[in-house]
PDB file of N, CA and C in Angstrom:
ATOM      1  N   MET A   1       0.840  -1.171   0.000  1.00  0.00           N
ATOM      2  CA  MET A   1       0.000   0.000   0.000  1.00  0.00           C
ATOM      3  C   MET A   1       0.888   1.237   0.000  1.00  0.00           C
ATOM      4  N   ASP A   2       0.350   2.286  -0.520  1.00  0.00           N
ATOM      5  CA  ASP A   2       1.134   3.516  -0.540  1.00  0.00           C
ATOM      6  C   ASP A   2       1.002   4.231   0.803  1.00  0.00           C
ATOM      7  N   ASP A   3       2.044   4.971   1.152  1.00  0.00           N
ATOM      8  CA  ASP A   3       2.060   5.650   2.438  1.00  0.00           C
ATOM      9  C   ASP A   3       1.548   7.075   2.354  1.00  0.00           C
ATOM     10  N   GLU A   4       1.021   7.449   1.198  1.00  0.00           N
ATOM     11  CA  GLU A   4       0.505   8.804   1.047  1.00  0.00           C
ATOM     12  C   GLU A   4      -0.782   8.956   1.851  1.00  0.00           C
ATOM     13  N   PRO A   5      -0.949  10.078   2.504  1.00  0.00           N
ATOM     14  CA  PRO A   5      -2.192  10.290   3.241  1.00  0.00           C
ATOM     15  C   PRO A   5      -3.383  10.395   2.280  1.00  0.00           C
ATOM     16  N   LYS A   6      -4.467   9.836   2.676  1.00  0.00           N
ATOM     17  CA  LYS A   6      -5.678   9.847   1.848  1.00  0.00           C
ATOM     18  C   LYS A   6      -6.510  11.074   2.195  1.00  0.00           C
ATOM     19  N   THR A   7      -7.195  11.562   1.205  1.00  0.00           N
ATOM     20  CA  THR A   7      -8.105  12.673   1.453  1.00  0.00           C
ATOM     21  C   THR A   7      -9.381  12.129   2.065  1.00  0.00           C
ATOM     22  N   ALA A   8     -10.176  12.995   2.614  1.00  0.00           N
ATOM     23  CA  ALA A   8     -11.427  12.587   3.240  1.00  0.00           C
ATOM     24  C   ALA A   8     -12.343  11.909   2.222  1.00  0.00           C
ATOM     25  N   ALA A   9     -12.363  12.403   1.013  1.00  0.00           N
ATOM     26  CA  ALA A   9     -13.220  11.813  -0.024  1.00  0.00           C
ATOM     27  C   ALA A   9     -12.737  10.405  -0.374  1.00  0.00           C
ATOM     28  N   GLU A  10     -11.420  10.220  -0.445  1.00  0.00           N
ATOM     29  CA  GLU A  10     -10.886   8.890  -0.760  1.00  0.00           C
ATOM     30  C   GLU A  10     -11.187   7.907   0.367  1.00  0.00           C
ATOM     31  N   LEU A  11     -11.040   8.356   1.606  1.00  0.00           N
ATOM     32  CA  LEU A  11     -11.353   7.488   2.743  1.00  0.00           C
ATOM     33  C   LEU A  11     -12.834   7.104   2.755  1.00  0.00           C
ATOM     34  N   LYS A  12     -13.678   8.082   2.430  1.00  0.00           N
ATOM     35  CA  LYS A  12     -15.116   7.809   2.384  1.00  0.00           C
ATOM     36  C   LYS A  12     -15.418   6.786   1.298  1.00  0.00           C
ATOM     37  N   GLU A  13     -14.789   6.927   0.134  1.00  0.00           N
ATOM     38  CA  GLU A  13     -14.996   5.984  -0.972  1.00  0.00           C
ATOM     39  C   GLU A  13     -14.521   4.583  -0.585  1.00  0.00           C
ATOM     40  N   ILE A  14     -13.401   4.512   0.131  1.00  0.00           N
ATOM     41  CA  ILE A  14     -12.881   3.214   0.581  1.00  0.00           C
ATOM     42  C   ILE A  14     -13.873   2.568   1.548  1.00  0.00           C
ATOM     43  N   ARG A  15     -14.413   3.358   2.477  1.00  0.00           N
ATOM     44  CA  ARG A  15     -15.393   2.825   3.431  1.00  0.00           C
ATOM     45  C   ARG A  15     -16.653   2.347   2.717  1.00  0.00           C
ATOM     46  N   ILE A  16     -17.106   3.130   1.743  1.00  0.00           N
ATOM     47  CA  ILE A  16     -18.311   2.749   0.994  1.00  0.00           C
ATOM     48  C   ILE A  16     -18.076   1.450   0.226  1.00  0.00           C
ATOM     49  N   GLU A  17     -16.920   1.329  -0.390  1.00  0.00           N
ATOM     50  CA  GLU A  17     -16.597   0.124  -1.168  1.00  0.00           C
ATOM     51  C   GLU A  17     -16.497  -1.093  -0.240  1.00  0.00           C
ATOM     52  N   ARG A  18     -15.880  -0.901   0.918  1.00  0.00           N
ATOM     53  CA  ARG A  18     -15.773  -1.991   1.892  1.00  0.00           C
ATOM     54  C   ARG A  18     -17.158  -2.406   2.370  1.00  0.00           C
ATOM     55  N   ARG A  19     -18.032  -1.449   2.596  1.00  0.00           N
ATOM     56  CA  ARG A  19     -19.399  -1.734   3.043  1.00  0.00           C
ATOM     57  C   ARG A  19     -20.149  -2.526   1.972  1.00  0.00           C
ATOM     58  N   ARG A  20     -19.984  -2.136   0.706  1.00  0.00           N
ATOM     59  CA  ARG A  20     -20.653  -2.868  -0.392  1.00  0.00           C
ATOM     60  C   ARG A  20     -20.170  -4.316  -0.447  1.00  0.00           C
ATOM     61  N   ALA A  21     -18.861  -4.492  -0.279  1.00  0.00           N
ATOM     62  CA  ALA A  21     -18.302  -5.850  -0.310  1.00  0.00           C
ATOM     63  C   ALA A  21     -18.844  -6.677   0.852  1.00  0.00           C
ATOM     64  N   GLN A  22     -18.934  -6.069   2.037  1.00  0.00           N
ATOM     65  CA  GLN A  22     -19.473  -6.789   3.193  1.00  0.00           C
ATOM     66  C   GLN A  22     -20.945  -7.123   2.999  1.00  0.00           C
ATOM     67  N   ASP A  23     -21.697  -6.214   2.428  1.00  0.00           N
ATOM     68  CA  ASP A  23     -23.114  -6.478   2.161  1.00  0.00           C
ATOM     69  C   ASP A  23     -23.272  -7.631   1.176  1.00  0.00           C
ATOM     70  N   ALA A  24     -22.449  -7.640   0.130  1.00  0.00           N
ATOM     71  CA  ALA A  24     -22.519  -8.718  -0.858  1.00  0.00           C
ATOM     72  C   ALA A  24     -22.158 -10.055  -0.216  1.00  0.00           C
ATOM     73  N   ASP A  25     -21.128 -10.061   0.635  1.00  0.00           N
ATOM     74  CA  ASP A  25     -20.745 -11.292   1.321  1.00  0.00           C
ATOM     75  C   ASP A  25     -21.859 -11.763   2.254  1.00  0.00           C
ATOM     76  N   GLY A  26     -22.509 -10.825   2.913  1.00  0.00           N
ATOM     77  CA  GLY A  26     -23.608 -11.177   3.807  1.00  0.00           C
ATOM     78  C   GLY A  26     -24.771 -11.793   3.061  1.00  0.00           C
ATOM     79  N   ILE A  27     -25.097 -11.225   1.915  1.00  0.00           N
ATOM     80  CA  ILE A  27     -26.195 -11.758   1.100  1.00  0.00           C
ATOM     81  C   ILE A  27     -25.857 -13.170   0.626  1.00  0.00           C
ATOM     82  N   LYS A  28     -24.600 -13.365   0.206  1.00  0.00           N
ATOM     83  CA  LYS A  28     -24.180 -14.687  -0.267  1.00  0.00           C
ATOM     84  C   LYS A  28     -24.237 -15.701   0.885  1.00  0.00           C
ATOM     85  N   ALA A  29     -23.787 -15.306   2.064  1.00  0.00           N
ATOM     86  CA  ALA A  29     -23.808 -16.204   3.222  1.00  0.00           C
ATOM     87  C   ALA A  29     -25.242 -16.578   3.597  1.00  0.00           C
ATOM     88  N   MET A  30     -26.143 -15.611   3.576  1.00  0.00           N
ATOM     89  CA  MET A  30     -27.539 -15.902   3.911  1.00  0.00           C
ATOM     90  C   MET A  30     -28.166 -16.850   2.892  1.00  0.00           C
ATOM     91  N   ALA A  31     -27.797 -16.691   1.613  1.00  0.00           N
ATOM     92  CA  ALA A  31     -28.317 -17.596   0.584  1.00  0.00           C
ATOM     93  C   ALA A  31     -27.801 -19.015   0.817  1.00  0.00           C
ATOM     94  N   GLU A  32     -26.527 -19.151   1.205  1.00  0.00           N
ATOM     95  CA  GLU A  32     -25.970 -20.471   1.478  1.00  0.00           C
ATOM     96  C   GLU A  32     -26.663 -21.114   2.679  1.00  0.00           C
ATOM     97  N   ILE A  33     -26.922 -20.312   3.705  1.00  0.00           N
ATOM     98  CA  ILE A  33     -27.605 -20.829   4.894  1.00  0.00           C
ATOM     99  C   ILE A  33     -29.020 -21.280   4.536  1.00  0.00           C
ATOM    100  N   ALA A  34     -29.715 -20.491   3.731  1.00  0.00           N
ATOM    101  CA  ALA A  34     -31.076 -20.847   3.326  1.00  0.00           C
ATOM    102  C   ALA A  34     -31.077 -22.128   2.498  1.00  0.00           C
ATOM    103  N   ALA A  35     -30.101 -22.273   1.605  1.00  0.00           N
ATOM    104  CA  ALA A  35     -30.019 -23.483   0.783  1.00  0.00           C
ATOM    105  C   ALA A  35     -29.738 -24.707   1.655  1.00  0.00           C
ATOM    106  N   ALA A  36     -28.869 -24.560   2.638  1.00  0.00           N
ATOM    107  CA  ALA A  36     -28.572 -25.667   3.542  1.00  0.00           C
ATOM    108  C   ALA A  36     -29.811 -26.031   4.358  1.00  0.00           C
ATOM    109  N   ASP A  37     -30.564 -25.030   4.771  1.00  0.00           N
ATOM    110  CA  ASP A  37     -31.789 -25.266   5.538  1.00  0.00           C
ATOM    111  C   ASP A  37     -32.801 -26.044   4.703  1.00  0.00           C
ATOM    112  N   VAL A  38     -32.952 -25.683   3.456  1.00  0.00           N
ATOM    113  CA  VAL A  38     -33.883 -26.394   2.563  1.00  0.00           C
ATOM    114  C   VAL A  38     -33.437 -27.842   2.397  1.00  0.00           C
ATOM    115  N   ALA A  39     -32.134 -28.054   2.220  1.00  0.00           N
ATOM    116  CA  ALA A  39     -31.617 -29.416   2.050  1.00  0.00           C
ATOM    117  C   ALA A  39     -31.867 -30.252   3.303  1.00  0.00           C
ATOM    118  N   ILE A  40     -31.664 -29.660   4.464  1.00  0.00           N
ATOM    119  CA  ILE A  40     -31.901 -30.382   5.718  1.00  0.00           C
ATOM    120  C   ILE A  40     -33.368 -30.737   5.854  1.00  0.00           C
ATOM    121  N   ARG A  41     -34.256 -29.807   5.529  1.00  0.00           N
ATOM    122  CA  ARG A  41     -35.690 -30.084   5.642  1.00  0.00           C
ATOM    123  C   ARG A  41     -36.128 -31.192   4.682  1.00  0.00           C
ATOM    124  N   LYS A  42     -35.588 -31.197   3.455  1.00  0.00           N
ATOM    125  CA  LYS A  42     -35.924 -32.255   2.499  1.00  0.00           C
ATOM    126  C   LYS A  42     -35.441 -33.606   2.999  1.00  0.00           C
ATOM    127  N   ARG A  43     -34.208 -33.648   3.496  1.00  0.00           N
ATOM    128  CA  ARG A  43     -33.647 -34.906   3.989  1.00  0.00           C
ATOM    129  C   ARG A  43     -34.443 -35.400   5.198  1.00  0.00           C
ATOM    130  N   THR A  44     -34.810 -34.498   6.085  1.00  0.00           N
ATOM    131  CA  THR A  44     -35.588 -34.869   7.264  1.00  0.00           C
ATOM    132  C   THR A  44     -36.946 -35.431   6.862  1.00  0.00           C
ATOM    133  N   ALA A  45     -37.596 -34.805   5.898  1.00  0.00           N
ATOM    134  CA  ALA A  45     -38.904 -35.284   5.434  1.00  0.00           C
ATOM    135  C   ALA A  45     -38.780 -36.675   4.809  1.00  0.00           C
ATOM    136  N   ARG A  46     -37.728 -36.889   4.039  1.00  0.00           N
ATOM    137  CA  ARG A  46     -37.524 -38.203   3.400  1.00  0.00           C
ATOM    138  C   ARG A  46     -37.281 -39.273   4.458  1.00  0.00           C
ATOM    139  N   LEU A  47     -36.428 -38.971   5.426  1.00  0.00           N
ATOM    140  CA  LEU A  47     -36.143 -39.943   6.468  1.00  0.00           C
ATOM    141  C   LEU A  47     -37.368 -40.218   7.343  1.00  0.00           C
ATOM    142  N   ARG A  48     -38.164 -39.182   7.608  1.00  0.00           N
ATOM    143  CA  ARG A  48     -39.386 -39.372   8.396  1.00  0.00           C
ATOM    144  C   ARG A  48     -40.350 -40.293   7.656  1.00  0.00           C
ATOM    145  N   ALA A  49     -40.488 -40.083   6.341  1.00  0.00           N
ATOM    146  CA  ALA A  49     -41.384 -40.930   5.550  1.00  0.00           C
ATOM    147  C   ALA A  49     -40.900 -42.376   5.572  1.00  0.00           C
ATOM    148  N   LEU A  50     -39.598 -42.581   5.458  1.00  0.00           N
ATOM    149  CA  LEU A  50     -39.062 -43.948   5.514  1.00  0.00           C
ATOM    150  C   LEU A  50     -39.324 -44.585   6.878  1.00  0.00           C
ATOM    151  N   ARG A  51     -39.117 -43.824   7.942  1.00  0.00           N
ATOM    152  CA  ARG A  51     -39.336 -44.342   9.294  1.00  0.00           C
ATOM    153  C   ARG A  51     -40.803 -44.690   9.507  1.00  0.00           C
ATOM    154  N   LEU A  52     -41.699 -43.810   9.083  1.00  0.00           N
ATOM    155  CA  LEU A  52     -43.132 -44.081   9.266  1.00  0.00           C
ATOM    156  C   LEU A  52     -43.572 -45.294   8.453  1.00  0.00           C
ATOM    157  N   ALA A  53     -43.039 -45.451   7.250  1.00  0.00           N
ATOM    158  CA  ALA A  53     -43.383 -46.613   6.427  1.00  0.00           C
ATOM    159  C   ALA A  53     -42.892 -47.892   7.090  1.00  0.00           C
ATOM    160  N   LYS A  54     -41.693 -47.856   7.654  1.00  0.00           N
ATOM    161  CA  LYS A  54     -41.145 -49.035   8.323  1.00  0.00           C
ATOM    162  C   LYS A  54     -41.970 -49.367   9.562  1.00  0.00           C
ATOM    163  N   GLU A  55     -42.342 -48.351  10.332  1.00  0.00           N
ATOM    164  CA  GLU A  55     -43.155 -48.590  11.523  1.00  0.00           C
ATOM    165  C   GLU A  55     -44.518 -49.163  11.153  1.00  0.00           C
ATOM    166  N   ALA A  56     -45.118 -48.672  10.071  1.00  0.00           N
ATOM    167  CA  ALA A  56     -46.413 -49.197   9.629  1.00  0.00           C
ATOM    168  C   ALA A  56     -46.276 -50.648   9.189  1.00  0.00           C
ATOM    169  N   ALA A  57     -45.194 -50.961   8.482  1.00  0.00           N
ATOM    170  CA  ALA A  57     -44.980 -52.339   8.046  1.00  0.00           C
ATOM    171  C   ALA A  57     -44.743 -53.246   9.244  1.00  0.00           C
ATOM    172  N   ASP A  58     -44.034 -52.752  10.240  1.00  0.00           N
ATOM    173  CA  ASP A  58     -43.788 -53.556  11.440  1.00  0.00           C
ATOM    174  C   ASP A  58     -45.082 -53.805  12.206  1.00  0.00           C
ATOM    175  N   ARG A  59     -45.979 -52.820  12.241  1.00  0.00           N
ATOM    176  CA  ARG A  59     -47.257 -52.994  12.925  1.00  0.00           C
ATOM    177  C   ARG A  59     -48.146 -53.978  12.167  1.00  0.00           C
ATOM    178  N   ALA A  60     -48.083 -53.954  10.841  1.00  0.00           N
ATOM    179  CA  ALA A  60     -48.931 -54.833  10.031  1.00  0.00           C
ATOM    180  C   ALA A  60     -48.461 -56.279  10.125  1.00  0.00           C
ATOM    181  N   LYS A  61     -47.170 -56.479  10.329  1.00  0.00           N
ATOM    182  CA  LYS A  61     -46.628 -57.830  10.404  1.00  0.00           C
ATOM    183  C   LYS A  61     -46.095 -58.035  11.820  1.00  0.00           C
ATOM    184  N   PRO A  62     -46.873 -58.691  12.677  1.00  0.00           N
ATOM    185  CA  PRO A  62     -46.400 -58.865  14.051  1.00  0.00           C
ATOM    186  C   PRO A  62     -45.147 -59.739  14.077  1.00  0.00           C
ATOM    187  N   ALA A  63     -44.309 -59.462  15.009  1.00  0.00           N
ATOM    188  CA  ALA A  63     -43.056 -60.203  15.125  1.00  0.00           C
ATOM    189  C   ALA A  63     -43.335 -61.636  15.548  1.00  0.00           C
ATOM    190  N   LEU A  64     -42.606 -62.561  14.976  1.00  0.00           N
ATOM    191  CA  LEU A  64     -42.752 -63.963  15.339  1.00  0.00           C
ATOM    192  C   LEU A  64     -42.103 -64.171  16.707  1.00  0.00           C
ATOM    193  N   PRO A  65     -42.741 -64.985  17.534  1.00  0.00           N
ATOM    194  CA  PRO A  65     -42.111 -65.238  18.834  1.00  0.00           C
ATOM    195  C   PRO A  65     -40.810 -66.008  18.633  1.00  0.00           C
ATOM    196  N   LYS A  66     -39.837 -65.628  19.382  1.00  0.00           N
ATOM    197  CA  LYS A  66     -38.540 -66.296  19.252  1.00  0.00           C
ATOM    198  C   LYS A  66     -38.628 -67.670  19.899  1.00  0.00           C
ATOM    199  N   ALA A  67     -38.043 -68.630  19.223  1.00  0.00           N
ATOM    200  CA  ALA A  67     -38.032 -69.987  19.768  1.00  0.00           C
ATOM    201  C   ALA A  67     -36.990 -70.032  20.871  1.00  0.00           C
ATOM    202  N   THR A  68     -37.428 -70.508  22.024  1.00  0.00           N
ATOM    203  CA  THR A  68     -36.494 -70.598  23.129  1.00  0.00           C
ATOM    204  C   THR A  68     -35.802 -71.949  23.051  1.00  0.00           C
ATOM    205  N   PRO A  69     -34.525 -71.975  23.239  1.00  0.00           N
ATOM    206  CA  PRO A  69     -33.840 -73.272  23.162  1.00  0.00           C
ATOM    207  C   PRO A  69     -34.259 -74.149  24.338  1.00  0.00           C
ATOM    208  N   LYS A  70     -34.451 -75.406  24.030  1.00  0.00           N
ATOM    209  CA  LYS A  70     -34.882 -76.337  25.067  1.00  0.00           C
ATOM    210  C   LYS A  70     -33.672 -76.640  25.969  1.00  0.00           C
ATOM    211  N   LYS A  71     -33.963 -76.685  27.232  1.00  0.00           N
ATOM    212  CA  LYS A  71     -32.901 -76.956  28.178  1.00  0.00           C
ATOM    213  C   LYS A  71     -32.607 -78.459  28.170  1.00  0.00           C
ATOM    214  N   LYS A  72     -31.345 -78.736  28.240  1.00  0.00           N
ATOM    215  CA  LYS A  72     -30.920 -80.135  28.299  1.00  0.00           C
ATOM    216  C   LYS A  72     -31.055 -80.629  29.732  1.00  0.00           C
ATOM    217  N   LYS A  73     -31.482 -81.861  29.815  1.00  0.00           N
ATOM    218  CA  LYS A  73     -31.583 -82.440  31.147  1.00  0.00           C
ATOM    219  C   LYS A  73     -30.182 -82.822  31.618  1.00  0.00           C
ATOM    220  N   SER A  74     -29.896 -82.448  32.784  1.00  0.00           N
ATOM    221  CA  SER A  74     -28.581 -82.832  33.309  1.00  0.00           C
ATOM    222  C   SER A  74     -28.684 -84.195  33.951  1.00  0.00           C
ATOM    223  N   THR A  75     -27.724 -85.018  33.726  1.00  0.00           N
ATOM    224  CA  THR A  75     -27.774 -86.362  34.274  1.00  0.00           C
ATOM    225  C   THR A  75     -26.773 -86.578  35.348  1.00  0.00           C
TER     226      THR A  75
END
């Protein structure tokens, strides 16, 4: 950077340009957050539907009782 002192107008222009860049970065960050939120909601809905379908199938088909092994007689 140059060591020359800046005029008030140049400093103001630098501040304005920095503010515009920060605003643009903020808008981009918010868009990324919104896109991630949409992706999470879609994935959650898909997983919920899979879970509910599995639970319904489990309710429709009762579990078979497990066969207990017969105890051997000790001699």
